[in-house]
Structure formats: C-alpha cells, structure tokens
Amino acid sequence: MRLIVGLGNPGPEYQWTPHNLGFLAVDELANRGSIRVERPEGKALVGRGRLAGEEVLLAKPQTFMNISGISVRELMVKHDVAADDLLVIWDEVQLPWGVIRIHRDGSAGSHNGAASVIGALGTKSFARLRLGCGPEHPLKGRKDYVLRPMRKAELNAAAEMISEAGDAVEMIVTKGIAAAMNRYNRRKQPEEGNGGA
C-alpha cells in the first residue's frame, strides 16, 4: 500500500489558498478513486481505497502545516508504510503556476511543511510532487502570499495543474516514479500557461 499525503492547513479560511494545493490534490485523487477522506486517524483525515487499481491511503494532516511531519510519521508507523511507499504533495513558490515537479528525494527548500516531514522521518528520501504557485514578481512576504485566497486566474491554473497532478500520481502508483518523472518533469513551453483572465 502507498501512503499519499497532501500538505495544507485545516479550516475553511485556508481552503482556497495556494498553501492548500496539496489538500486540493488529495481531493482530486479521492474523487478519481471514489475514496472518502474523512476518517480521523493519526492527526489527519484519511481514506483508504484503490487508485488506478492500486491500494492507497490518502491523508490530509490536520495539525497545521508547520508540524505536518507528526501526522505523517504516525500514519507510517500505524500502517507499516516504508519511506519508499510514501508520496507527499505540496505547494512550491519556486515553481511557476501550473508547473509540477516529481522527485525521489531532496531538501524542503523554504517549505515549512516539507521541512517538518523531513525532520519527523529523519530522511529526505521519499517521493514528492511539488505544485508550482510562484508569482511572476519577487515575493515580499512568502507567508502572506501563500495564505491569501487564490485569484480567478490562479484558481483556473490550479485546476489544470491539479488534474495533471492526478494523472502523474496515477502513473507513479502504476508504472513507478521514474516513468512519471520522465513524463511530467518536462519544461513547459513559453506559450503554455500564460492564460489571460
């Protein structure tokens, strides 16, 4: 079984913020697999089912972003999930809107939730899918940017990106992370994703 965790903050005030793209990705996966992610367990809301024919446990930690690792570690211990079978999804301001990146390991960068997971697990070696939400201009305050509601154009970009992320996760669980990296870590062409409205 693979544990797939989307990072975000609980509460309706955070639902449509860039920082909750990980939660929105899990919602997409839950919809695809007809999985109800609502059972409280390991300081998270979880749902177990099949995605693209493979058994998965979907989770949305309810600890708030900065201590997400506590929940991830509890779920891994309870379900005897190895780091090789963990996939964590989070927002990434270092990537432009609409760009996804998949990696087997790496640092947390400036993401506090990812840092919490790495700290709690004691390893950087787990699969991650990062969802780009970076602005075109330099950020004055990262926290204010990722915790404010997304604008219409951002919501449209997020919807397309979340759909692509769903395809990528299905490929990860069926064909492996190398295949997904080859397929989805392409550079977007300049004309893609500029969107207008």
Protein backbone atom coordinates (compact mmCIF):
# COMPACT_ATOMS: atom_id res chain seq x y z
CA MET A 1 0.00 0.00 0.00
CA ARG A 2 1.15 3.52 -0.81
CA LEU A 3 0.56 6.44 1.56
CA ILE A 4 -0.21 9.66 -0.32
CA VAL A 5 -0.21 12.81 1.80
CA GLY A 6 -1.25 16.28 0.70
CA LEU A 7 0.03 19.14 2.85
CA GLY A 8 -2.19 22.05 3.82
CA ASN A 9 -3.92 23.82 6.70
CA PRO A 10 -7.29 22.74 8.15
CA GLY A 11 -10.18 25.18 8.22
CA PRO A 12 -12.40 26.86 5.60
CA GLU A 13 -10.39 30.08 5.67
CA TYR A 14 -7.42 28.24 4.15
CA GLN A 15 -9.29 26.01 1.68
CA TRP A 16 -8.64 28.06 -1.47
CA THR A 17 -5.17 29.42 -0.65
CA PRO A 18 -2.02 28.43 -2.56
CA HIS A 19 -0.71 26.74 0.60
CA ASN A 20 -3.54 24.21 0.37
CA LEU A 21 -2.76 22.92 -3.12
CA GLY A 22 -1.64 19.64 -1.51
CA PHE A 23 -5.10 19.18 0.05
CA LEU A 24 -6.75 20.00 -3.28
CA ALA A 25 -4.60 17.37 -5.00
CA VAL A 26 -5.71 14.74 -2.48
CA ASP A 27 -9.33 15.77 -3.10
CA GLU A 28 -8.74 15.15 -6.82
CA LEU A 29 -7.27 11.70 -6.12
CA ALA A 30 -10.14 10.89 -3.77
CA ASN A 31 -12.63 11.84 -6.46
CA ARG A 32 -10.86 9.65 -9.04
CA GLY A 33 -10.83 6.64 -6.73
CA SER A 34 -14.24 7.30 -5.10
CA ILE A 35 -12.41 7.40 -1.75
CA ARG A 36 -13.89 9.28 1.20
CA VAL A 37 -11.09 11.12 3.01
CA GLU A 38 -12.87 11.84 6.26
CA ARG A 39 -11.85 9.29 8.91
CA PRO A 40 -9.83 10.89 11.76
CA GLU A 41 -6.61 8.97 12.25
CA GLY A 42 -3.02 9.89 13.09
CA LYS A 43 -3.89 13.59 13.42
CA ALA A 44 -5.19 13.52 9.84
CA LEU A 45 -8.29 12.87 7.78
CA VAL A 46 -7.70 9.65 5.88
CA GLY A 47 -9.37 7.43 3.34
CA ARG A 48 -8.37 4.00 2.06
CA GLY A 49 -9.21 2.63 -1.36
CA ARG A 50 -7.89 1.94 -4.83
CA LEU A 51 -6.43 4.42 -7.26
CA ALA A 52 -5.76 3.23 -10.81
CA GLY A 53 -6.21 -0.30 -9.46
CA GLU A 54 -3.59 0.07 -6.70
CA GLU A 55 -4.26 0.22 -2.96
CA VAL A 56 -3.64 3.65 -1.44
CA LEU A 57 -4.17 5.52 1.81
CA LEU A 58 -4.91 9.19 1.18
CA ALA A 59 -4.28 11.66 4.00
CA LYS A 60 -4.71 15.34 4.82
CA PRO A 61 -2.89 16.19 8.09
CA GLN A 62 -4.96 18.34 10.44
CA THR A 63 -2.01 19.54 12.53
CA PHE A 64 -1.42 22.76 10.58
CA MET A 65 1.35 22.93 8.02
CA ASN A 66 4.38 23.56 10.21
CA ILE A 67 4.03 20.29 12.15
CA SER A 68 2.68 18.05 9.38
CA GLY A 69 5.51 15.59 9.95
CA ILE A 70 3.98 14.41 13.24
CA SER A 71 0.91 13.17 11.39
CA VAL A 72 2.88 11.61 8.52
CA ARG A 73 5.12 9.70 10.93
CA GLU A 74 2.13 8.42 12.96
CA LEU A 75 0.38 7.15 9.82
CA MET A 76 3.52 5.46 8.53
CA VAL A 77 4.06 3.66 11.84
CA LYS A 78 0.41 2.62 12.22
CA HIS A 79 0.16 1.24 8.69
CA ASP A 80 3.75 -0.05 8.48
CA VAL A 81 4.50 2.10 5.44
CA ALA A 82 8.15 2.39 4.39
CA ALA A 83 9.60 5.66 3.11
CA ASP A 84 9.74 4.08 -0.36
CA ASP A 85 5.93 3.87 -0.34
CA LEU A 86 5.33 7.47 0.76
CA LEU A 87 4.36 10.28 -1.62
CA VAL A 88 3.97 13.82 -0.26
CA ILE A 89 2.38 16.63 -2.27
CA TRP A 90 2.90 20.32 -1.51
CA ASP A 91 2.78 23.82 -3.00
CA GLU A 92 6.01 25.35 -4.31
CA VAL A 93 6.60 29.09 -4.78
CA GLN A 94 9.92 28.35 -6.51
CA LEU A 95 7.99 26.95 -9.49
CA PRO A 96 5.67 28.98 -11.77
CA TRP A 97 1.93 28.45 -11.66
CA GLY A 98 0.90 25.27 -13.47
CA VAL A 99 4.29 23.52 -13.34
CA ILE A 100 4.61 20.24 -11.44
CA ARG A 101 7.82 18.52 -10.43
CA ILE A 102 8.32 14.98 -9.18
CA HIS A 103 11.45 13.81 -7.33
CA ARG A 104 12.60 10.83 -5.30
CA ASP A 105 14.29 12.96 -2.63
CA GLY A 106 15.71 16.39 -1.90
CA SER A 107 15.58 19.29 0.52
CA ALA A 108 12.48 21.09 1.75
CA GLY A 109 13.60 24.39 0.28
CA SER A 110 11.63 27.14 2.01
CA HIS A 111 8.58 24.96 2.68
CA ASN A 112 7.92 24.52 6.40
CA GLY A 113 5.55 21.60 5.95
CA ALA A 114 8.10 19.67 3.89
CA ALA A 115 10.77 20.52 6.47
CA SER A 116 8.53 19.12 9.20
CA VAL A 117 8.06 15.85 7.30
CA ILE A 118 11.81 15.50 6.69
CA GLY A 119 12.53 16.26 10.35
CA ALA A 120 9.93 13.82 11.67
CA LEU A 121 11.04 10.99 9.39
CA GLY A 122 14.75 11.65 9.69
CA THR A 123 15.22 11.25 5.94
CA LYS A 124 14.88 13.26 2.71
CA SER A 125 14.45 10.06 0.69
CA PHE A 126 10.75 9.90 -0.09
CA ALA A 127 8.81 10.75 -3.24
CA ARG A 128 7.40 14.24 -3.53
CA LEU A 129 5.24 16.06 -6.03
CA ARG A 130 5.53 19.85 -5.94
CA LEU A 131 2.80 22.09 -7.32
CA GLY A 132 4.01 25.41 -8.72
CA CYS A 133 2.37 28.58 -7.41
CA GLY A 134 5.17 31.13 -7.76
CA PRO A 135 4.34 34.71 -8.75
CA GLU A 136 5.87 36.45 -11.75
CA HIS A 137 7.30 39.15 -9.47
CA PRO A 138 9.66 38.76 -6.48
CA LEU A 139 7.90 37.95 -3.23
CA LYS A 140 7.99 40.49 -0.41
CA GLY A 141 6.38 38.11 2.05
CA ARG A 142 6.03 34.41 1.27
CA LYS A 143 3.64 33.74 4.16
CA ASP A 144 1.15 36.43 3.15
CA TYR A 145 1.28 35.25 -0.46
CA VAL A 146 0.58 31.55 0.17
CA LEU A 147 -2.08 32.15 2.84
CA ARG A 148 -4.30 34.55 0.87
CA PRO A 149 -7.19 33.35 -1.31
CA MET A 150 -6.29 32.49 -4.88
CA ARG A 151 -7.48 34.87 -7.60
CA LYS A 152 -9.63 33.70 -10.52
CA ALA A 153 -6.71 33.21 -12.93
CA GLU A 154 -4.81 31.31 -10.22
CA LEU A 155 -7.82 29.10 -9.50
CA ASN A 156 -8.03 28.25 -13.21
CA ALA A 157 -4.29 27.46 -13.34
CA ALA A 158 -4.60 25.43 -10.14
CA ALA A 159 -7.48 23.35 -11.53
CA GLU A 160 -5.47 22.39 -14.62
CA MET A 161 -2.37 21.67 -12.55
CA ILE A 162 -4.30 19.54 -10.03
CA SER A 163 -5.76 17.49 -12.89
CA GLU A 164 -2.28 16.92 -14.32
CA ALA A 165 -1.01 16.03 -10.85
CA GLY A 166 -3.76 13.42 -10.61
CA ASP A 167 -2.56 11.87 -13.86
CA ALA A 168 1.01 11.95 -12.56
CA VAL A 169 0.12 10.23 -9.29
CA GLU A 170 -1.77 7.52 -11.16
CA MET A 171 1.36 6.94 -13.23
CA ILE A 172 3.53 6.82 -10.09
CA VAL A 173 1.37 4.14 -8.48
CA THR A 174 1.05 2.04 -11.66
CA LYS A 175 4.33 2.49 -13.55
CA GLY A 176 6.73 3.89 -10.94
CA ILE A 177 8.25 7.24 -10.17
CA ALA A 178 10.91 7.10 -12.91
CA ALA A 179 8.25 6.90 -15.61
CA ALA A 180 6.33 9.78 -14.04
CA MET A 181 9.47 11.91 -13.76
CA ASN A 182 10.26 11.33 -17.43
CA ARG A 183 6.73 12.24 -18.45
CA TYR A 184 5.94 15.19 -16.17
CA ASN A 185 9.25 16.90 -15.37
CA ARG A 186 9.36 18.48 -18.83
CA ARG A 187 9.88 22.20 -19.18
CA LYS A 188 6.69 23.99 -20.17
CA GLN A 189 6.89 25.88 -23.44
CA PRO A 190 6.74 29.68 -23.09
CA GLU A 191 3.33 29.88 -24.74
CA GLU A 192 1.82 27.43 -22.26
CA GLY A 193 0.12 28.60 -19.09
CA ASN A 194 0.21 32.32 -19.74
CA GLY A 195 -3.56 32.27 -19.61
CA GLY A 196 -5.17 35.67 -19.70
CA ALA A 197 -8.10 36.08 -17.41
